[in-house]
Protein backbone atom coordinates (compact mmCIF):
# COMPACT_ATOMS: atom_id res chain seq x y z
CA MET A 1 41.21 85.18 19.20
CA SER A 2 43.89 83.84 21.50
CA ALA A 3 47.24 85.54 22.03
CA SER A 4 49.00 82.65 20.22
CA THR A 5 46.94 83.28 17.02
CA LEU A 6 47.27 87.08 16.82
CA PRO A 7 48.06 88.01 13.19
CA ALA A 8 51.43 89.42 12.31
CA LEU A 9 51.60 93.09 11.35
CA PRO A 10 53.72 94.77 8.71
CA GLY A 11 56.86 96.25 10.08
CA THR A 12 56.10 99.65 8.73
CA THR A 13 52.72 99.68 10.43
CA VAL A 14 54.30 98.81 13.78
CA ASP A 15 56.91 101.53 13.24
CA GLN A 16 54.12 104.08 12.64
CA ALA A 17 52.19 102.97 15.73
CA ILE A 18 55.33 103.34 17.87
CA GLU A 19 55.98 106.88 16.52
CA TRP A 20 52.35 107.89 17.10
CA SER A 21 52.44 106.57 20.65
CA ILE A 22 55.59 108.53 21.53
CA ARG A 23 54.25 111.73 19.88
CA LEU A 24 50.85 111.62 21.58
CA THR A 25 52.09 110.48 24.96
CA TYR A 26 55.27 112.50 25.51
CA ASN A 27 54.61 115.59 23.43
CA ARG A 28 51.80 118.16 23.40
CA PRO A 29 49.99 117.35 20.17
CA ASP A 30 48.15 120.21 18.43
CA PRO A 31 44.80 119.74 16.69
CA ALA A 32 46.49 119.15 13.34
CA THR A 33 48.61 116.36 14.81
CA ARG A 34 45.55 114.76 16.45
CA ALA A 35 43.64 114.99 13.16
CA ALA A 36 46.52 113.35 11.30
CA PHE A 37 46.56 110.53 13.84
CA GLN A 38 42.84 109.94 13.50
CA ALA A 39 43.23 109.87 9.70
CA TRP A 40 46.01 107.32 10.03
CA LEU A 41 43.90 105.23 12.38
CA ALA A 42 40.89 105.20 10.00
CA ASP A 43 42.97 104.47 6.96
CA ASP A 44 43.53 100.77 7.51
CA GLU A 45 42.39 97.96 9.80
CA THR A 46 46.03 96.98 10.49
CA HIS A 47 46.63 100.48 11.80
CA ARG A 48 43.84 100.06 14.33
CA LEU A 49 45.12 96.63 15.36
CA ALA A 50 48.68 97.95 15.74
CA TRP A 51 47.43 100.84 17.86
CA ALA A 52 45.39 98.46 20.06
CA ARG A 53 48.47 96.42 20.74
CA MET A 54 50.48 99.58 21.39
CA GLN A 55 47.93 100.65 23.94
CA SER A 56 48.07 97.24 25.64
CA LEU A 57 51.76 97.99 26.28
CA GLY A 58 50.90 101.32 27.94
CA ARG A 59 50.99 99.94 31.46
CA HIS A 60 54.64 98.95 30.99
CA PHE A 61 55.64 102.52 30.16
CA ALA A 62 53.80 104.24 33.03
CA ASP A 63 56.99 104.75 35.03
CA VAL A 64 59.15 106.15 32.23
CA PRO A 65 60.74 109.34 33.60
CA SER A 66 59.61 112.31 31.55
CA GLY A 67 63.17 113.43 30.84
CA LEU A 68 64.08 110.02 29.31
CA ALA A 69 60.80 110.01 27.33
CA ARG A 70 61.69 113.48 25.94
CA GLN A 71 65.18 112.24 25.02
CA THR A 72 63.61 109.37 23.09
CA LEU A 73 61.31 111.74 21.22
CA GLU A 74 64.13 114.17 20.42
CA LYS A 75 66.25 111.29 19.01
CA LEU A 76 63.54 109.90 16.77
CA PRO A 77 64.87 111.72 13.63
CA GLU A 78 68.24 110.04 14.11
CA ALA A 79 68.09 106.96 11.90
CA ARG A 80 70.50 104.77 13.88
CA LEU A 81 68.81 105.31 17.22
CA GLN A 82 65.31 105.29 15.80
CA ARG A 83 65.79 101.91 14.17
CA ARG A 84 67.17 100.48 17.44
CA GLN A 85 64.16 101.73 19.40
CA VAL A 86 61.84 100.19 16.83
CA LEU A 87 63.61 96.85 16.94
CA LYS A 88 63.34 96.80 20.73
CA LEU A 89 59.64 97.60 20.64
CA LEU A 90 59.07 95.00 17.93
CA ALA A 91 60.38 92.43 20.42
CA LEU A 92 57.81 93.62 22.89
CA PHE A 93 55.04 93.34 20.30
CA ALA A 94 56.19 89.76 19.53
CA ALA A 95 55.99 89.01 23.23
CA VAL A 96 52.25 89.73 23.22
CA GLY A 97 51.74 86.33 21.62
CA SER A 98 54.01 84.35 23.87
CA THR A 99 54.24 83.06 27.43
CA ALA A 100 57.03 85.53 28.04
CA TRP A 101 54.44 88.33 28.01
CA GLY A 102 54.01 89.72 31.51
CA THR A 103 56.67 87.56 33.24
CA HIS A 104 59.74 89.63 33.96
CA GLU A 105 59.59 92.86 31.85
CA THR A 106 59.97 95.00 34.96
CA ALA A 107 61.23 98.09 33.14
CA PRO A 108 61.22 97.65 29.34
CA TRP A 109 61.81 101.35 28.83
CA GLN A 110 65.42 100.86 29.91
CA ARG A 111 65.95 98.35 27.10
CA LEU A 112 64.34 100.72 24.61
CA MET A 113 66.91 103.37 25.56
CA ALA A 114 69.80 100.92 25.57
CA ASP A 115 72.55 100.34 23.03
CA TYR A 116 73.27 96.91 24.53
CA SER A 117 71.00 94.80 26.76
CA THR A 118 70.32 91.29 28.03
CA ARG A 119 67.21 89.51 29.18
CA VAL A 120 66.63 87.48 32.26
CA GLY A 121 69.11 84.58 32.40
CA GLU A 122 71.07 85.94 29.45
CA TYR A 123 74.81 86.79 29.27
CA GLN A 124 76.41 88.70 26.40
CA ARG A 125 79.85 90.11 25.47
CA TRP A 126 80.74 92.84 22.98
CA THR A 127 83.89 94.58 21.70
CA LEU A 128 83.27 98.35 21.62
CA ALA A 129 84.68 100.82 19.09
CA ASP A 130 87.59 101.78 21.36
CA GLY A 131 88.63 98.13 21.90
CA SER A 132 86.99 97.84 25.35
CA GLN A 133 85.39 94.52 26.21
CA LEU A 134 81.87 94.96 27.61
CA GLU A 135 80.06 92.07 29.30
CA LEU A 136 76.49 92.23 30.61
CA ASN A 137 74.97 89.98 33.25
CA THR A 138 71.32 88.94 33.41
CA ASP A 139 68.61 91.59 32.85
CA SER A 140 70.98 94.45 32.18
CA ALA A 141 71.10 97.48 29.90
CA VAL A 142 73.66 100.13 28.99
CA ARG A 143 74.00 103.15 26.77
CA VAL A 144 77.36 104.01 25.16
CA TYR A 145 78.44 107.55 24.38
CA PHE A 146 81.73 107.94 22.48
CA ASP A 147 82.79 111.26 20.92
CA ALA A 148 86.04 112.98 20.01
CA ARG A 149 86.92 113.74 23.66
CA HIS A 150 85.00 111.32 25.88
CA ARG A 151 84.08 107.68 26.39
CA ARG A 152 81.13 107.09 28.65
CA ILE A 153 79.15 103.90 29.40
CA GLU A 154 75.89 104.45 31.27
CA LEU A 155 74.59 101.48 33.25
CA LEU A 156 70.82 101.80 33.12
CA ARG A 157 70.05 98.60 35.05
CA GLY A 158 71.73 95.34 36.04
CA GLU A 159 75.43 94.56 36.02
CA LEU A 160 78.40 94.95 33.72
CA TYR A 161 82.03 93.88 33.52
CA LEU A 162 84.38 96.18 31.64
CA VAL A 163 87.86 95.67 30.34
CA SER A 164 89.19 99.06 29.37
CA GLY A 165 90.28 99.38 25.76
CA ALA A 166 93.56 101.00 24.61
CA ASP A 167 91.62 103.46 22.38
CA ILE A 168 94.50 103.42 19.91
CA ASP A 169 92.53 104.85 17.00
CA SER A 170 91.74 108.06 18.87
CA LEU A 171 93.75 111.22 18.20
CA GLN A 172 93.87 111.89 21.91
CA GLN A 173 93.69 109.77 25.04
CA ARG A 174 89.98 109.91 25.96
CA PRO A 175 88.89 109.30 29.54
CA LEU A 176 86.68 106.23 30.06
CA GLN A 177 83.81 106.52 32.52
CA VAL A 178 81.07 104.22 33.76
CA THR A 179 78.08 106.12 35.16
CA THR A 180 75.18 104.88 37.30
CA THR A 181 72.32 106.60 39.07
CA PHE A 182 74.55 107.12 42.09
CA ALA A 183 78.14 107.62 40.87
CA THR A 184 80.72 108.01 38.17
CA PHE A 185 83.64 105.57 37.95
CA ASN A 186 86.76 106.59 36.02
CA ALA A 187 87.70 103.19 34.72
CA GLN A 188 90.50 103.92 32.24
CA GLY A 189 93.14 101.20 32.28
CA SER A 190 91.13 98.88 34.55
CA ARG A 191 89.09 95.76 34.67
CA CYS A 192 86.00 96.29 36.83
CA ASN A 193 82.56 94.98 37.75
CA VAL A 194 79.75 97.49 38.33
CA ARG A 195 76.24 96.67 39.53
CA GLN A 196 73.19 98.90 39.91
CA TYR A 197 70.81 98.36 42.84
CA ALA A 198 67.61 100.25 43.67
CA ASP A 199 69.31 102.27 46.43
CA ALA A 200 73.03 102.06 45.59
CA CYS A 201 75.63 100.63 43.24
CA SER A 202 78.65 98.39 43.75
CA LEU A 203 82.13 98.30 42.28
CA GLY A 204 84.64 95.49 42.18
CA VAL A 205 88.11 96.11 40.76
CA ALA A 206 90.03 93.20 39.23
CA GLU A 207 92.91 95.18 37.74
CA GLY A 208 94.15 98.77 37.76
CA THR A 209 92.60 101.52 39.88
CA VAL A 210 89.17 103.16 39.60
CA ASN A 211 88.35 106.64 40.84
CA ILE A 212 84.91 106.73 42.49
CA GLN A 213 82.88 109.98 42.51
CA PRO A 214 79.39 109.82 44.06
CA ARG A 215 76.80 112.32 42.90
CA SER A 216 77.62 114.38 45.98
CA GLY A 217 80.15 114.01 48.74
CA THR A 218 83.74 112.83 48.85
CA GLY A 219 85.06 110.24 46.43
CA ALA A 220 87.62 107.48 46.76
CA VAL A 221 90.16 105.43 44.82
CA ALA A 222 89.44 101.67 44.50
CA LEU A 223 92.44 99.35 44.28
CA PRO A 224 92.74 95.87 42.71
CA GLY A 225 90.76 93.20 44.67
CA GLU A 226 88.60 95.75 46.42
CA THR A 227 84.80 96.01 46.45
CA TRP A 228 82.84 99.18 47.23
CA ARG A 229 79.25 100.23 47.84
CA VAL A 230 78.28 103.71 46.65
CA THR A 231 75.20 105.76 47.27
CA ARG A 232 74.51 109.33 46.09
CA ASP A 233 76.47 110.84 48.95
CA ASN A 234 78.54 108.03 50.51
CA VAL A 235 81.34 105.68 49.56
CA LEU A 236 81.95 102.52 51.65
CA ARG A 237 84.69 99.92 51.31
CA LEU A 238 83.26 96.37 51.64
CA PRO A 239 84.99 93.29 53.01
CA GLY A 240 84.19 91.08 50.03
CA ASN A 241 86.56 89.95 47.28
CA ALA A 242 86.14 91.50 43.81
CA GLU A 243 86.64 88.09 42.20
CA ASP A 244 83.56 86.68 43.91
CA ALA A 245 81.38 89.47 42.52
CA ALA A 246 82.32 88.60 38.93
CA THR A 247 82.01 84.77 38.89
CA TRP A 248 78.75 85.29 36.96
CA ARG A 249 81.04 85.59 33.91
CA ASP A 250 81.77 81.86 34.35
CA GLY A 251 78.10 80.99 34.97
CA LEU A 252 78.59 80.75 38.74
CA LEU A 253 77.24 82.49 41.83
CA THR A 254 79.72 82.47 44.70
CA ALA A 255 78.22 82.54 48.21
CA ARG A 256 80.26 82.82 51.45
CA ALA A 257 78.07 82.35 54.53
CA MET A 258 75.23 84.00 52.69
CA PRO A 259 71.75 83.95 54.28
CA LEU A 260 69.43 81.66 52.31
CA ALA A 261 66.99 84.52 51.64
CA ASP A 262 69.78 86.59 50.10
CA LEU A 263 71.05 83.64 48.04
CA LEU A 264 67.58 83.08 46.62
CA ASP A 265 67.28 86.77 45.77
CA GLU A 266 70.50 86.47 43.78
CA LEU A 267 69.35 83.27 42.00
CA GLY A 268 66.06 84.95 41.29
CA ARG A 269 67.83 87.45 39.06
CA TYR A 270 68.41 84.61 36.57
CA ARG A 271 64.85 83.30 36.30
CA ASN A 272 61.33 84.61 35.86
CA GLY A 273 58.69 84.52 38.58
CA TYR A 274 58.76 84.24 42.33
CA LEU A 275 61.60 82.54 44.24
CA GLY A 276 61.64 82.63 48.03
CA CYS A 277 61.71 80.67 51.28
CA ASP A 278 59.92 80.27 54.60
CA PRO A 279 60.92 82.87 57.22
CA GLN A 280 62.12 80.10 59.54
CA VAL A 281 64.93 79.11 57.16
CA ALA A 282 65.62 82.57 55.65
CA LYS A 283 68.67 83.25 57.85
CA ARG A 284 70.31 79.84 57.39
CA THR A 285 73.81 80.50 55.93
CA ILE A 286 74.90 78.86 52.71
CA SER A 287 78.34 78.70 51.11
CA GLY A 288 79.49 77.40 47.75
CA ASN A 289 79.67 78.01 44.00
CA PHE A 290 76.28 77.59 42.35
CA ASN A 291 75.41 76.98 38.70
CA LEU A 292 73.52 79.86 37.12
CA THR A 293 72.77 78.17 33.80
CA ASP A 294 70.25 75.73 35.36
CA THR A 295 68.70 77.25 38.38
CA ASP A 296 66.15 74.47 38.80
CA ALA A 297 69.02 71.99 39.27
CA THR A 298 70.78 74.45 41.61
CA LEU A 299 67.71 74.76 43.79
CA ALA A 300 67.35 70.99 43.94
CA PHE A 301 70.99 70.71 44.99
CA ILE A 302 70.67 73.38 47.70
CA ALA A 303 67.53 71.72 49.06
CA GLN A 304 69.10 68.25 49.18
CA ALA A 305 72.36 69.52 50.74
CA HIS A 306 70.59 71.52 53.48
CA GLY A 307 67.58 69.34 54.29
CA LEU A 308 65.01 71.58 52.61
CA ARG A 309 61.99 70.98 50.48
CA VAL A 310 61.26 72.57 47.11
CA GLN A 311 57.65 73.66 46.79
CA ALA A 312 56.84 74.47 43.16
CA MET A 313 53.29 75.44 42.26
CA THR A 314 54.52 76.23 38.76
CA ARG A 315 57.97 76.89 37.30
CA TYR A 316 57.26 80.56 38.02
CA TRP A 317 56.46 80.09 41.75
CA VAL A 318 59.08 78.23 43.78
CA ARG A 319 59.64 78.27 47.53
CA LEU A 320 62.13 76.47 49.83
CA SER A 321 60.91 75.30 53.20
CA ALA A 322 62.11 73.10 56.05
């Protein structure tokens, strides 16, 4: 049977397979639990099919940190969160039968844990409960924690733009924080852009001031128009303009004397597959505003303007050369 003809499964069966996978993988099941699982598996052919598909997803979850896995398990009884996790995993099950399967799901666990997320090439905007405007760039995920005293937005991956809300319905003025792997940004009363990298995060401030506190070390205060790079123990002011960092909100990528290799890395965030260039042209500098909604057309334009060739083995393997 081909992937495109895989039969659909009842939603309740998929839900059960998801729960069994989490319990058996991230808990320490006792004999009674294992016996109950075997009974469930033997009870119906659709159970066995759902479990087989769940197992096929196992390689995507190999890198889930144990702490996050435990948090997921602990939250399973909470109906709101549980249903969200199920819906996210249902999307992954659907992907088994599509060409999207195996293309750019680099860390699907982050989307499972997220309250808001986007896929590759997608842009979304939401109004949060406190009135804040949250925008997510391509391939991004966040969790939102609001309680009586705090407002916290955790950037799990990717990039966000936040317009701080007035929080007028709260009985007290709650601080608003954006957290990443490397730092906490006190963003109350500001408009800011935050991006997560593998080894650091960046901040651009469009309005107001943002207090930066790395995980360790001395913090700083970012002013309007400034951009900053933050690691776990260091804060560095960058020469770039904060407006350039946020042009993705208008579907544009702004480059100012950017090496071609770096430009292609940025464009690659908005498409699946490999995008690169020959080493001999990698350092050629490029400037301009480039369309993010049609990256194929953008690559053709760059190639024509700079005397390059586009080598495309498939739409998922593209290389620029002299």
